[in-house]
Amino acid sequence: MTASNVLLASALASVAWGIVSSMVIVSSLQKRGIRINFLLLRILVIKYVGQYRDITRKETGRTGPWYYSFASSMCLALVLATIGLALRFA
């Protein structure tokens, strides 16, 4: 297995964790009475993540942990995929 394949597989795992994080965020928003549009969830996920951040800040004074989980996993996926693709085509 080449380094590019390992990095791309790691990027996919990071995306999977981001999806898990977004589902927990959506569930948390639903429990707080916010309507979720599941048909447009892929498009509106950033909006919901921002709402989660704002609501948890108002409730506790700190941003909720799932916000950081989502943001860091998506950033990591971007970095890993970029490096993996660069190694593959270099």
N, C-alpha and C. Protein backbone atom coordinates (compact mmCIF):
# COMPACT_ATOMS: atom_id res chain seq x y z
N MET A 1 0.84 -1.18 0.00
CA MET A 1 0.00 0.00 0.00
C MET A 1 0.89 1.24 0.00
N THR A 2 0.63 2.14 -0.91
CA THR A 2 1.46 3.33 -1.03
C THR A 2 1.04 4.39 -0.02
N ALA A 3 1.92 5.37 0.15
CA ALA A 3 1.64 6.46 1.10
C ALA A 3 0.40 7.24 0.68
N SER A 4 0.23 7.43 -0.61
CA SER A 4 -0.94 8.20 -1.07
C SER A 4 -2.23 7.45 -0.74
N ASN A 5 -2.22 6.14 -0.88
CA ASN A 5 -3.42 5.36 -0.54
C ASN A 5 -3.74 5.43 0.95
N VAL A 6 -2.71 5.39 1.77
CA VAL A 6 -2.90 5.48 3.21
C VAL A 6 -3.48 6.85 3.57
N LEU A 7 -2.95 7.90 2.97
CA LEU A 7 -3.45 9.24 3.26
C LEU A 7 -4.88 9.42 2.78
N LEU A 8 -5.19 8.89 1.60
CA LEU A 8 -6.55 9.02 1.10
C LEU A 8 -7.53 8.20 1.93
N ALA A 9 -7.12 7.03 2.39
CA ALA A 9 -7.98 6.23 3.28
C ALA A 9 -8.19 6.95 4.62
N SER A 10 -7.16 7.58 5.11
CA SER A 10 -7.28 8.36 6.34
C SER A 10 -8.20 9.55 6.15
N ALA A 11 -8.15 10.16 4.98
CA ALA A 11 -9.05 11.27 4.68
C ALA A 11 -10.50 10.80 4.68
N LEU A 12 -10.75 9.62 4.12
CA LEU A 12 -12.11 9.08 4.12
C LEU A 12 -12.58 8.76 5.53
N ALA A 13 -11.69 8.25 6.36
CA ALA A 13 -12.05 7.98 7.75
C ALA A 13 -12.37 9.28 8.48
N SER A 14 -11.62 10.32 8.18
CA SER A 14 -11.88 11.62 8.79
C SER A 14 -13.23 12.19 8.34
N VAL A 15 -13.56 12.00 7.07
CA VAL A 15 -14.87 12.43 6.58
C VAL A 15 -15.98 11.66 7.28
N ALA A 16 -15.77 10.37 7.48
CA ALA A 16 -16.77 9.55 8.18
C ALA A 16 -16.99 10.08 9.60
N TRP A 17 -15.91 10.45 10.27
CA TRP A 17 -16.06 11.00 11.62
C TRP A 17 -16.77 12.35 11.57
N GLY A 18 -16.52 13.14 10.55
CA GLY A 18 -17.24 14.41 10.40
C GLY A 18 -18.73 14.20 10.21
N ILE A 19 -19.10 13.15 9.49
CA ILE A 19 -20.51 12.83 9.29
C ILE A 19 -21.15 12.41 10.62
N VAL A 20 -20.43 11.61 11.39
CA VAL A 20 -20.93 11.23 12.72
C VAL A 20 -21.12 12.47 13.58
N SER A 21 -20.16 13.36 13.56
CA SER A 21 -20.24 14.59 14.35
C SER A 21 -21.44 15.44 13.92
N SER A 22 -21.66 15.54 12.63
CA SER A 22 -22.78 16.35 12.14
C SER A 22 -24.12 15.73 12.54
N MET A 23 -24.20 14.42 12.55
CA MET A 23 -25.44 13.77 12.96
C MET A 23 -25.72 14.00 14.45
N VAL A 24 -24.68 13.99 15.26
CA VAL A 24 -24.86 14.27 16.68
C VAL A 24 -25.28 15.73 16.87
N ILE A 25 -24.70 16.63 16.10
CA ILE A 25 -25.08 18.04 16.18
C ILE A 25 -26.54 18.22 15.79
N VAL A 26 -26.96 17.59 14.70
CA VAL A 26 -28.35 17.68 14.26
C VAL A 26 -29.29 17.13 15.33
N SER A 27 -28.93 16.01 15.92
CA SER A 27 -29.75 15.43 16.98
C SER A 27 -29.85 16.38 18.18
N SER A 28 -28.74 17.00 18.51
CA SER A 28 -28.72 17.94 19.62
C SER A 28 -29.62 19.15 19.34
N LEU A 29 -29.59 19.62 18.11
CA LEU A 29 -30.45 20.76 17.74
C LEU A 29 -31.92 20.36 17.78
N GLN A 30 -32.23 19.16 17.33
CA GLN A 30 -33.62 18.70 17.37
C GLN A 30 -34.13 18.63 18.80
N LYS A 31 -33.31 18.17 19.72
CA LYS A 31 -33.71 18.10 21.13
C LYS A 31 -33.97 19.48 21.70
N ARG A 32 -33.35 20.49 21.12
CA ARG A 32 -33.55 21.86 21.57
C ARG A 32 -34.70 22.54 20.83
N GLY A 33 -35.41 21.81 19.98
CA GLY A 33 -36.59 22.33 19.33
C GLY A 33 -36.35 23.02 17.99
N ILE A 34 -35.19 22.86 17.41
CA ILE A 34 -34.90 23.47 16.11
C ILE A 34 -35.29 22.49 15.01
N ARG A 35 -36.06 22.99 14.04
CA ARG A 35 -36.48 22.14 12.91
C ARG A 35 -35.31 21.91 11.97
N ILE A 36 -35.15 20.68 11.56
CA ILE A 36 -34.06 20.28 10.67
C ILE A 36 -34.67 19.88 9.34
N ASN A 37 -34.15 20.44 8.26
CA ASN A 37 -34.59 20.08 6.92
C ASN A 37 -33.67 18.96 6.41
N PHE A 38 -34.17 17.72 6.49
CA PHE A 38 -33.34 16.58 6.12
C PHE A 38 -33.13 16.46 4.62
N LEU A 39 -34.03 17.05 3.83
CA LEU A 39 -33.86 17.01 2.38
C LEU A 39 -32.66 17.85 1.94
N LEU A 40 -32.42 18.94 2.64
CA LEU A 40 -31.31 19.84 2.29
C LEU A 40 -30.17 19.78 3.31
N LEU A 41 -30.08 18.66 4.02
CA LEU A 41 -29.09 18.56 5.09
C LEU A 41 -27.66 18.74 4.59
N ARG A 42 -27.35 18.18 3.43
CA ARG A 42 -25.98 18.31 2.91
C ARG A 42 -25.61 19.77 2.66
N ILE A 43 -26.58 20.54 2.23
CA ILE A 43 -26.32 21.96 1.93
C ILE A 43 -26.32 22.79 3.21
N LEU A 44 -27.21 22.48 4.14
CA LEU A 44 -27.40 23.28 5.34
C LEU A 44 -26.58 22.84 6.54
N VAL A 45 -25.73 21.85 6.37
CA VAL A 45 -24.98 21.32 7.52
C VAL A 45 -24.11 22.40 8.16
N ILE A 46 -23.53 23.27 7.37
CA ILE A 46 -22.70 24.35 7.94
C ILE A 46 -23.55 25.30 8.77
N LYS A 47 -24.76 25.58 8.32
CA LYS A 47 -25.69 26.43 9.08
C LYS A 47 -25.99 25.78 10.42
N TYR A 48 -26.27 24.48 10.42
CA TYR A 48 -26.61 23.78 11.65
C TYR A 48 -25.43 23.71 12.61
N VAL A 49 -24.24 23.55 12.07
CA VAL A 49 -23.04 23.54 12.91
C VAL A 49 -22.87 24.90 13.57
N GLY A 50 -23.10 25.96 12.83
CA GLY A 50 -23.02 27.32 13.40
C GLY A 50 -24.08 27.55 14.46
N GLN A 51 -25.29 27.06 14.22
CA GLN A 51 -26.35 27.19 15.23
C GLN A 51 -25.98 26.43 16.50
N TYR A 52 -25.41 25.25 16.33
CA TYR A 52 -24.98 24.47 17.49
C TYR A 52 -23.93 25.23 18.30
N ARG A 53 -22.98 25.83 17.59
CA ARG A 53 -21.94 26.61 18.27
C ARG A 53 -22.57 27.77 19.06
N ASP A 54 -23.48 28.50 18.42
CA ASP A 54 -24.10 29.65 19.08
C ASP A 54 -24.94 29.23 20.28
N ILE A 55 -25.72 28.17 20.13
CA ILE A 55 -26.60 27.71 21.21
C ILE A 55 -25.78 27.21 22.40
N THR A 56 -24.74 26.44 22.14
CA THR A 56 -23.94 25.93 23.27
C THR A 56 -23.19 27.07 23.95
N ARG A 57 -22.78 28.08 23.20
CA ARG A 57 -22.14 29.24 23.83
C ARG A 57 -23.10 29.98 24.74
N LYS A 58 -24.36 30.12 24.30
CA LYS A 58 -25.35 30.81 25.13
C LYS A 58 -25.69 30.00 26.38
N GLU A 59 -25.74 28.68 26.25
CA GLU A 59 -26.12 27.83 27.38
C GLU A 59 -25.01 27.68 28.41
N THR A 60 -23.79 27.48 27.94
CA THR A 60 -22.70 27.16 28.88
C THR A 60 -21.57 28.18 28.91
N GLY A 61 -21.56 29.07 27.94
CA GLY A 61 -20.46 30.02 27.86
C GLY A 61 -19.28 29.49 27.07
N ARG A 62 -19.38 28.25 26.61
CA ARG A 62 -18.32 27.62 25.83
C ARG A 62 -18.93 26.95 24.62
N THR A 63 -18.11 26.80 23.59
CA THR A 63 -18.57 26.09 22.41
C THR A 63 -18.60 24.60 22.70
N GLY A 64 -19.65 23.92 22.20
CA GLY A 64 -19.81 22.49 22.43
C GLY A 64 -18.72 21.67 21.76
N PRO A 65 -18.41 20.50 22.31
CA PRO A 65 -17.29 19.70 21.80
C PRO A 65 -17.54 19.14 20.40
N TRP A 66 -18.78 18.94 20.01
CA TRP A 66 -19.05 18.37 18.69
C TRP A 66 -18.75 19.36 17.58
N TYR A 67 -18.78 20.65 17.91
CA TYR A 67 -18.39 21.66 16.92
C TYR A 67 -16.92 21.46 16.54
N TYR A 68 -16.08 21.33 17.55
CA TYR A 68 -14.66 21.14 17.30
C TYR A 68 -14.38 19.79 16.63
N SER A 69 -15.15 18.79 17.00
CA SER A 69 -15.00 17.48 16.37
C SER A 69 -15.29 17.57 14.87
N PHE A 70 -16.37 18.24 14.51
CA PHE A 70 -16.73 18.39 13.10
C PHE A 70 -15.69 19.23 12.36
N ALA A 71 -15.35 20.39 12.91
CA ALA A 71 -14.43 21.29 12.23
C ALA A 71 -13.05 20.67 12.04
N SER A 72 -12.53 20.04 13.07
CA SER A 72 -11.19 19.46 12.97
C SER A 72 -11.17 18.26 12.02
N SER A 73 -12.22 17.45 12.03
CA SER A 73 -12.23 16.29 11.13
C SER A 73 -12.33 16.72 9.67
N MET A 74 -13.09 17.75 9.39
CA MET A 74 -13.20 18.23 8.00
C MET A 74 -11.90 18.89 7.53
N CYS A 75 -11.26 19.64 8.41
CA CYS A 75 -9.97 20.24 8.05
C CYS A 75 -8.91 19.16 7.84
N LEU A 76 -8.89 18.18 8.70
CA LEU A 76 -7.94 17.08 8.56
C LEU A 76 -8.18 16.31 7.27
N ALA A 77 -9.44 16.08 6.93
CA ALA A 77 -9.76 15.38 5.69
C ALA A 77 -9.26 16.17 4.48
N LEU A 78 -9.44 17.47 4.51
CA LEU A 78 -8.96 18.32 3.41
C LEU A 78 -7.44 18.24 3.26
N VAL A 79 -6.74 18.33 4.36
CA VAL A 79 -5.27 18.29 4.33
C VAL A 79 -4.78 16.91 3.85
N LEU A 80 -5.34 15.85 4.42
CA LEU A 80 -4.91 14.51 4.04
C LEU A 80 -5.21 14.20 2.58
N ALA A 81 -6.38 14.59 2.12
CA ALA A 81 -6.74 14.33 0.72
C ALA A 81 -5.84 15.13 -0.22
N THR A 82 -5.54 16.36 0.12
CA THR A 82 -4.67 17.18 -0.72
C THR A 82 -3.27 16.57 -0.82
N ILE A 83 -2.72 16.18 0.31
CA ILE A 83 -1.38 15.57 0.30
C ILE A 83 -1.40 14.22 -0.41
N GLY A 84 -2.44 13.43 -0.15
CA GLY A 84 -2.56 12.13 -0.81
C GLY A 84 -2.66 12.25 -2.32
N LEU A 85 -3.45 13.19 -2.79
CA LEU A 85 -3.58 13.38 -4.24
C LEU A 85 -2.29 13.95 -4.85
N ALA A 86 -1.63 14.84 -4.10
CA ALA A 86 -0.37 15.39 -4.60
C ALA A 86 0.69 14.28 -4.73
N LEU A 87 0.73 13.38 -3.77
CA LEU A 87 1.69 12.26 -3.87
C LEU A 87 1.33 11.31 -4.99
N ARG A 88 0.05 11.11 -5.21
CA ARG A 88 -0.37 10.19 -6.26
C ARG A 88 -0.01 10.72 -7.64
N PHE A 89 -0.14 12.02 -7.86
CA PHE A 89 0.10 12.58 -9.18
C PHE A 89 1.48 13.20 -9.35
N ALA A 90 2.31 13.05 -8.33
CA ALA A 90 3.67 13.62 -8.41
C ALA A 90 4.62 12.68 -9.13
